[in-house]
């Protein structure tokens, strides 16, 4: 037969509480750090040649970006059959961002690109 005294019961309760607290602390996950805004963020007015069937198509837009990893083009609006407004975003620096715009300008389907 066990006899539990008040001191033993309090010590057991404290030990259990400490164990639960330790387990909870080990399971806590820190929140992700806030994501910094991209260094490269440009709004582009793009005029394409009339032979582009749908300048707002995601496949066409992604093809304009080529193989520039880390950068994205987002469609903001389709103005008409040959004009779209795009958002270019990426890590930068600004010179790299401009180089991507320049490479897009060299695409045969692009008549002109201007920043807006």
N, C-alpha and C. Protein backbone atom coordinates (compact mmCIF):
# COMPACT_ATOMS: atom_id res chain seq x y z
N UNK A 1 0.83 -1.17 0.00
CA UNK A 1 0.00 0.00 0.00
C UNK A 1 0.88 1.24 0.00
N UNK A 2 0.52 2.25 -0.86
CA UNK A 2 1.29 3.49 -0.95
C UNK A 2 0.62 4.55 -0.11
N UNK A 3 1.44 5.34 0.52
CA UNK A 3 0.96 6.51 1.26
C UNK A 3 1.64 7.70 0.62
N UNK A 4 0.85 8.64 0.13
CA UNK A 4 1.38 9.81 -0.54
C UNK A 4 1.23 11.00 0.39
N UNK A 5 2.32 11.65 0.66
CA UNK A 5 2.26 12.83 1.50
C UNK A 5 2.11 14.06 0.63
N UNK A 6 1.76 15.17 1.21
CA UNK A 6 1.56 16.42 0.47
C UNK A 6 2.81 16.88 -0.24
N UNK A 7 4.00 16.71 0.37
CA UNK A 7 5.24 17.16 -0.23
C UNK A 7 5.58 16.34 -1.46
N UNK A 8 5.39 15.05 -1.39
CA UNK A 8 5.67 14.18 -2.53
C UNK A 8 4.72 14.49 -3.67
N UNK A 9 3.47 14.73 -3.37
CA UNK A 9 2.47 15.04 -4.38
C UNK A 9 2.80 16.37 -5.07
N UNK A 10 3.22 17.37 -4.34
CA UNK A 10 3.57 18.67 -4.92
C UNK A 10 4.80 18.54 -5.81
N UNK A 11 5.78 17.76 -5.34
CA UNK A 11 7.01 17.57 -6.12
C UNK A 11 6.70 16.84 -7.43
N UNK A 12 5.82 15.83 -7.35
CA UNK A 12 5.43 15.10 -8.56
C UNK A 12 4.68 16.01 -9.52
N UNK A 13 3.83 16.87 -9.00
CA UNK A 13 3.08 17.82 -9.84
C UNK A 13 4.01 18.80 -10.52
N UNK A 14 5.01 19.30 -9.78
CA UNK A 14 5.95 20.24 -10.35
C UNK A 14 6.77 19.56 -11.44
N UNK A 15 7.21 18.33 -11.21
CA UNK A 15 8.00 17.58 -12.19
C UNK A 15 7.18 17.33 -13.45
N UNK A 16 5.92 16.97 -13.27
CA UNK A 16 5.05 16.75 -14.43
C UNK A 16 4.85 18.04 -15.20
N UNK A 17 4.65 19.15 -14.49
CA UNK A 17 4.46 20.45 -15.16
C UNK A 17 5.71 20.84 -15.93
N UNK A 18 6.87 20.62 -15.32
CA UNK A 18 8.13 20.96 -15.99
C UNK A 18 8.32 20.10 -17.23
N UNK A 19 7.94 18.84 -17.15
CA UNK A 19 8.07 17.94 -18.30
C UNK A 19 7.15 18.39 -19.43
N UNK A 20 5.91 18.72 -19.11
CA UNK A 20 4.96 19.19 -20.12
C UNK A 20 5.46 20.49 -20.75
N UNK A 21 5.95 21.40 -19.93
CA UNK A 21 6.47 22.67 -20.43
C UNK A 21 7.64 22.43 -21.39
N UNK A 22 8.55 21.54 -21.01
CA UNK A 22 9.71 21.23 -21.86
C UNK A 22 9.26 20.63 -23.19
N UNK A 23 8.28 19.77 -23.14
CA UNK A 23 7.77 19.17 -24.38
C UNK A 23 7.12 20.21 -25.27
N UNK A 24 6.35 21.11 -24.67
CA UNK A 24 5.71 22.16 -25.46
C UNK A 24 6.75 23.08 -26.08
N UNK A 25 7.76 23.43 -25.33
CA UNK A 25 8.79 24.32 -25.86
C UNK A 25 9.56 23.67 -27.01
N UNK A 26 9.77 22.36 -26.92
CA UNK A 26 10.51 21.68 -27.99
C UNK A 26 9.67 21.58 -29.26
N UNK A 27 8.36 21.66 -29.14
CA UNK A 27 7.48 21.56 -30.32
C UNK A 27 7.17 22.91 -30.94
N UNK A 28 7.46 23.98 -30.22
CA UNK A 28 7.14 25.30 -30.75
C UNK A 28 8.05 25.60 -31.94
N UNK A 29 7.47 26.20 -32.94
CA UNK A 29 8.21 26.55 -34.14
C UNK A 29 8.20 28.06 -34.25
N UNK A 30 9.37 28.61 -34.49
CA UNK A 30 9.44 30.05 -34.69
C UNK A 30 8.71 30.42 -35.98
N UNK A 31 8.10 31.57 -35.97
CA UNK A 31 7.45 32.07 -37.18
C UNK A 31 8.52 32.38 -38.22
N UNK A 32 8.16 32.24 -39.49
CA UNK A 32 9.10 32.58 -40.55
C UNK A 32 9.42 34.06 -40.48
N UNK A 33 10.65 34.38 -40.84
CA UNK A 33 11.03 35.77 -40.91
C UNK A 33 10.23 36.42 -42.03
N UNK A 34 9.93 37.71 -41.89
CA UNK A 34 9.20 38.39 -42.97
C UNK A 34 10.02 38.34 -44.26
N UNK A 35 9.32 38.19 -45.36
CA UNK A 35 9.98 38.14 -46.66
C UNK A 35 10.24 39.57 -47.11
N UNK A 36 11.49 39.83 -47.43
CA UNK A 36 11.85 41.16 -47.90
C UNK A 36 11.27 41.38 -49.30
N UNK A 37 10.85 42.59 -49.59
CA UNK A 37 10.36 42.84 -50.95
C UNK A 37 11.48 42.64 -51.95
N UNK A 38 11.12 42.23 -53.15
CA UNK A 38 12.17 41.98 -54.14
C UNK A 38 12.95 43.25 -54.46
N UNK A 39 14.24 43.09 -54.71
CA UNK A 39 15.07 44.22 -55.07
C UNK A 39 14.70 44.71 -56.46
N UNK A 40 14.40 43.75 -57.34
CA UNK A 40 14.01 44.08 -58.70
C UNK A 40 12.48 44.02 -58.78
N UNK A 41 11.89 45.14 -59.06
CA UNK A 41 10.44 45.19 -59.24
C UNK A 41 10.15 46.27 -60.27
N UNK A 42 9.79 45.82 -61.47
CA UNK A 42 9.54 46.76 -62.56
C UNK A 42 8.20 46.47 -63.21
N UNK A 43 7.48 47.53 -63.48
CA UNK A 43 6.24 47.43 -64.24
C UNK A 43 6.58 47.71 -65.69
N UNK A 44 6.19 46.81 -66.59
CA UNK A 44 6.58 46.90 -67.99
C UNK A 44 5.36 46.96 -68.91
N UNK A 45 5.38 47.89 -69.83
CA UNK A 45 4.39 47.93 -70.91
C UNK A 45 5.05 47.27 -72.11
N UNK A 46 4.50 46.14 -72.52
CA UNK A 46 5.11 45.34 -73.58
C UNK A 46 4.20 45.35 -74.81
N UNK A 47 4.79 45.70 -75.95
CA UNK A 47 4.09 45.61 -77.23
C UNK A 47 4.67 44.43 -77.98
N UNK A 48 3.81 43.53 -78.43
CA UNK A 48 4.25 42.34 -79.15
C UNK A 48 3.82 42.44 -80.61
N UNK A 49 4.40 41.57 -81.42
CA UNK A 49 4.05 41.54 -82.84
C UNK A 49 2.63 40.97 -83.00
N UNK A 50 1.98 41.34 -84.09
CA UNK A 50 0.60 40.87 -84.31
C UNK A 50 0.46 39.35 -84.45
N UNK A 51 1.56 38.64 -84.73
CA UNK A 51 1.46 37.19 -84.88
C UNK A 51 1.40 36.43 -83.55
N UNK A 52 1.54 37.13 -82.42
CA UNK A 52 1.39 36.47 -81.11
C UNK A 52 -0.11 36.29 -80.89
N UNK A 53 -0.59 35.04 -80.81
CA UNK A 53 -2.03 34.80 -80.74
C UNK A 53 -2.69 35.31 -79.45
N UNK A 54 -1.99 35.21 -78.33
CA UNK A 54 -2.57 35.65 -77.06
C UNK A 54 -1.45 36.15 -76.16
N UNK A 55 -1.18 37.45 -76.18
CA UNK A 55 -0.06 37.97 -75.38
C UNK A 55 -0.27 37.83 -73.87
N UNK A 56 -1.49 37.56 -73.45
CA UNK A 56 -1.77 37.38 -72.03
C UNK A 56 -1.66 35.94 -71.56
N UNK A 57 -1.34 35.01 -72.47
CA UNK A 57 -1.22 33.60 -72.11
C UNK A 57 0.00 33.38 -71.22
N UNK A 58 -0.18 32.59 -70.18
CA UNK A 58 0.93 32.35 -69.24
C UNK A 58 2.12 31.69 -69.93
N UNK A 59 1.87 30.84 -70.91
CA UNK A 59 2.98 30.20 -71.62
C UNK A 59 3.81 31.22 -72.39
N UNK A 60 3.14 32.18 -73.00
CA UNK A 60 3.87 33.22 -73.72
C UNK A 60 4.67 34.09 -72.74
N UNK A 61 4.03 34.49 -71.66
CA UNK A 61 4.68 35.37 -70.69
C UNK A 61 5.91 34.68 -70.08
N UNK A 62 5.77 33.42 -69.71
CA UNK A 62 6.92 32.72 -69.13
C UNK A 62 8.03 32.54 -70.15
N UNK A 63 7.69 32.40 -71.43
CA UNK A 63 8.72 32.25 -72.45
C UNK A 63 9.52 33.54 -72.63
N UNK A 64 8.92 34.66 -72.35
CA UNK A 64 9.65 35.93 -72.43
C UNK A 64 10.77 36.00 -71.40
N UNK A 65 10.55 35.38 -70.27
CA UNK A 65 11.53 35.41 -69.18
C UNK A 65 12.75 34.54 -69.49
N UNK A 66 12.57 33.55 -70.33
CA UNK A 66 13.69 32.67 -70.67
C UNK A 66 14.11 31.84 -69.47
N UNK A 67 15.41 31.72 -69.27
CA UNK A 67 15.92 30.88 -68.19
C UNK A 67 16.51 31.71 -67.04
N UNK A 68 15.91 32.81 -66.74
CA UNK A 68 16.38 33.67 -65.66
C UNK A 68 15.77 33.20 -64.34
N UNK A 69 16.48 32.26 -63.71
CA UNK A 69 15.99 31.68 -62.45
C UNK A 69 15.90 32.75 -61.36
N UNK A 70 14.86 32.65 -60.56
CA UNK A 70 14.68 33.59 -59.46
C UNK A 70 13.85 34.81 -59.82
N UNK A 71 13.53 34.97 -61.08
CA UNK A 71 12.73 36.11 -61.54
C UNK A 71 11.38 35.61 -62.01
N UNK A 72 10.36 36.45 -61.85
CA UNK A 72 9.01 36.11 -62.28
C UNK A 72 8.42 37.27 -63.05
N UNK A 73 7.57 36.92 -64.01
CA UNK A 73 6.76 37.89 -64.74
C UNK A 73 5.31 37.64 -64.37
N UNK A 74 4.61 38.69 -64.00
CA UNK A 74 3.19 38.59 -63.65
C UNK A 74 2.39 39.45 -64.61
N UNK A 75 1.30 38.90 -65.10
CA UNK A 75 0.40 39.65 -65.96
C UNK A 75 -0.45 40.57 -65.10
N UNK A 76 -0.38 41.87 -65.36
CA UNK A 76 -1.22 42.83 -64.66
C UNK A 76 -2.48 43.14 -65.46
N UNK A 77 -2.30 43.30 -66.78
CA UNK A 77 -3.49 43.53 -67.62
C UNK A 77 -3.15 43.32 -69.09
N UNK A 78 -4.20 42.98 -69.83
CA UNK A 78 -4.12 42.89 -71.29
C UNK A 78 -4.79 44.15 -71.80
N UNK A 79 -4.02 44.97 -72.49
CA UNK A 79 -4.55 46.23 -72.99
C UNK A 79 -5.34 46.00 -74.27
N UNK A 80 -4.73 45.28 -75.20
CA UNK A 80 -5.39 44.90 -76.46
C UNK A 80 -4.65 43.70 -77.05
N UNK A 81 -4.85 43.44 -78.32
CA UNK A 81 -4.27 42.25 -78.94
C UNK A 81 -2.74 42.25 -79.02
N UNK A 82 -2.13 43.41 -78.85
CA UNK A 82 -0.67 43.47 -78.97
C UNK A 82 0.02 44.16 -77.79
N UNK A 83 -0.73 44.51 -76.76
CA UNK A 83 -0.15 45.21 -75.62
C UNK A 83 -0.56 44.56 -74.29
N UNK A 84 0.44 44.33 -73.44
CA UNK A 84 0.19 43.81 -72.10
C UNK A 84 1.01 44.62 -71.09
N UNK A 85 0.53 44.64 -69.88
CA UNK A 85 1.26 45.25 -68.77
C UNK A 85 1.71 44.11 -67.86
N UNK A 86 3.03 44.03 -67.64
CA UNK A 86 3.61 42.95 -66.85
C UNK A 86 4.37 43.53 -65.65
N UNK A 87 4.53 42.71 -64.64
CA UNK A 87 5.35 43.06 -63.48
C UNK A 87 6.52 42.07 -63.45
N UNK A 88 7.73 42.59 -63.50
CA UNK A 88 8.94 41.77 -63.38
C UNK A 88 9.44 41.89 -61.95
N UNK A 89 9.67 40.75 -61.30
CA UNK A 89 10.18 40.75 -59.93
C UNK A 89 11.27 39.72 -59.78
N UNK A 90 12.23 40.05 -58.95
CA UNK A 90 13.32 39.12 -58.68
C UNK A 90 14.29 39.71 -57.68
N UNK A 91 15.37 38.97 -57.44
CA UNK A 91 16.30 39.37 -56.40
C UNK A 91 17.21 40.54 -56.73
N UNK A 92 17.30 40.90 -57.99
CA UNK A 92 18.17 42.01 -58.34
C UNK A 92 19.60 41.55 -58.54
N UNK A 93 20.54 42.44 -58.58
CA UNK A 93 20.46 43.89 -58.40
C UNK A 93 19.82 44.57 -59.61
N UNK A 94 19.72 45.87 -59.55
CA UNK A 94 19.02 46.62 -60.59
C UNK A 94 19.63 46.38 -61.97
N UNK A 95 20.94 46.23 -62.04
CA UNK A 95 21.59 46.00 -63.34
C UNK A 95 21.14 44.66 -63.95
N UNK A 96 20.99 43.66 -63.10
CA UNK A 96 20.54 42.34 -63.56
C UNK A 96 19.09 42.42 -64.04
N UNK A 97 18.29 43.18 -63.32
CA UNK A 97 16.89 43.37 -63.71
C UNK A 97 16.81 44.03 -65.09
N UNK A 98 17.62 45.05 -65.30
CA UNK A 98 17.62 45.73 -66.59
C UNK A 98 18.14 44.81 -67.69
N UNK A 99 19.09 43.95 -67.37
CA UNK A 99 19.61 42.99 -68.35
C UNK A 99 18.51 42.03 -68.79
N UNK A 100 17.65 41.66 -67.88
CA UNK A 100 16.53 40.77 -68.24
C UNK A 100 15.57 41.49 -69.17
N UNK A 101 15.27 42.75 -68.87
CA UNK A 101 14.39 43.53 -69.75
C UNK A 101 15.04 43.66 -71.13
N UNK A 102 16.34 43.90 -71.16
CA UNK A 102 17.04 44.00 -72.44
C UNK A 102 16.97 42.69 -73.23
N UNK A 103 17.11 41.56 -72.54
CA UNK A 103 17.02 40.28 -73.24
C UNK A 103 15.61 40.03 -73.75
N UNK A 104 14.61 40.48 -73.01
CA UNK A 104 13.23 40.37 -73.48
C UNK A 104 13.03 41.22 -74.73
N UNK A 105 13.67 42.39 -74.78
CA UNK A 105 13.56 43.27 -75.95
C UNK A 105 14.14 42.64 -77.20
N UNK A 106 15.11 41.73 -77.02
CA UNK A 106 15.73 41.05 -78.16
C UNK A 106 14.89 39.91 -78.72
N UNK A 107 13.82 39.56 -78.00
CA UNK A 107 12.91 38.50 -78.47
C UNK A 107 12.22 39.01 -79.75
N UNK A 108 12.20 38.21 -80.79
CA UNK A 108 11.61 38.61 -82.07
C UNK A 108 10.14 38.91 -82.01
N UNK A 109 9.45 38.42 -80.98
CA UNK A 109 8.01 38.66 -80.85
C UNK A 109 7.70 39.97 -80.14
N UNK A 110 8.73 40.62 -79.61
CA UNK A 110 8.54 41.87 -78.86
C UNK A 110 8.91 43.06 -79.73
N UNK A 111 7.96 43.98 -79.88
CA UNK A 111 8.23 45.19 -80.64
C UNK A 111 8.87 46.26 -79.77
N UNK A 112 8.34 46.39 -78.54
CA UNK A 112 8.92 47.39 -77.64
C UNK A 112 8.55 47.06 -76.19
N UNK A 113 9.42 47.53 -75.28
CA UNK A 113 9.16 47.42 -73.85
C UNK A 113 9.50 48.77 -73.22
N UNK A 114 8.59 49.26 -72.43
CA UNK A 114 8.89 50.49 -71.69
C UNK A 114 8.48 50.29 -70.24
N UNK A 115 9.19 50.96 -69.36
CA UNK A 115 8.83 50.89 -67.95
C UNK A 115 7.75 51.93 -67.69
N UNK A 116 6.84 51.54 -66.85
CA UNK A 116 5.74 52.48 -66.56
C UNK A 116 5.53 52.62 -65.08
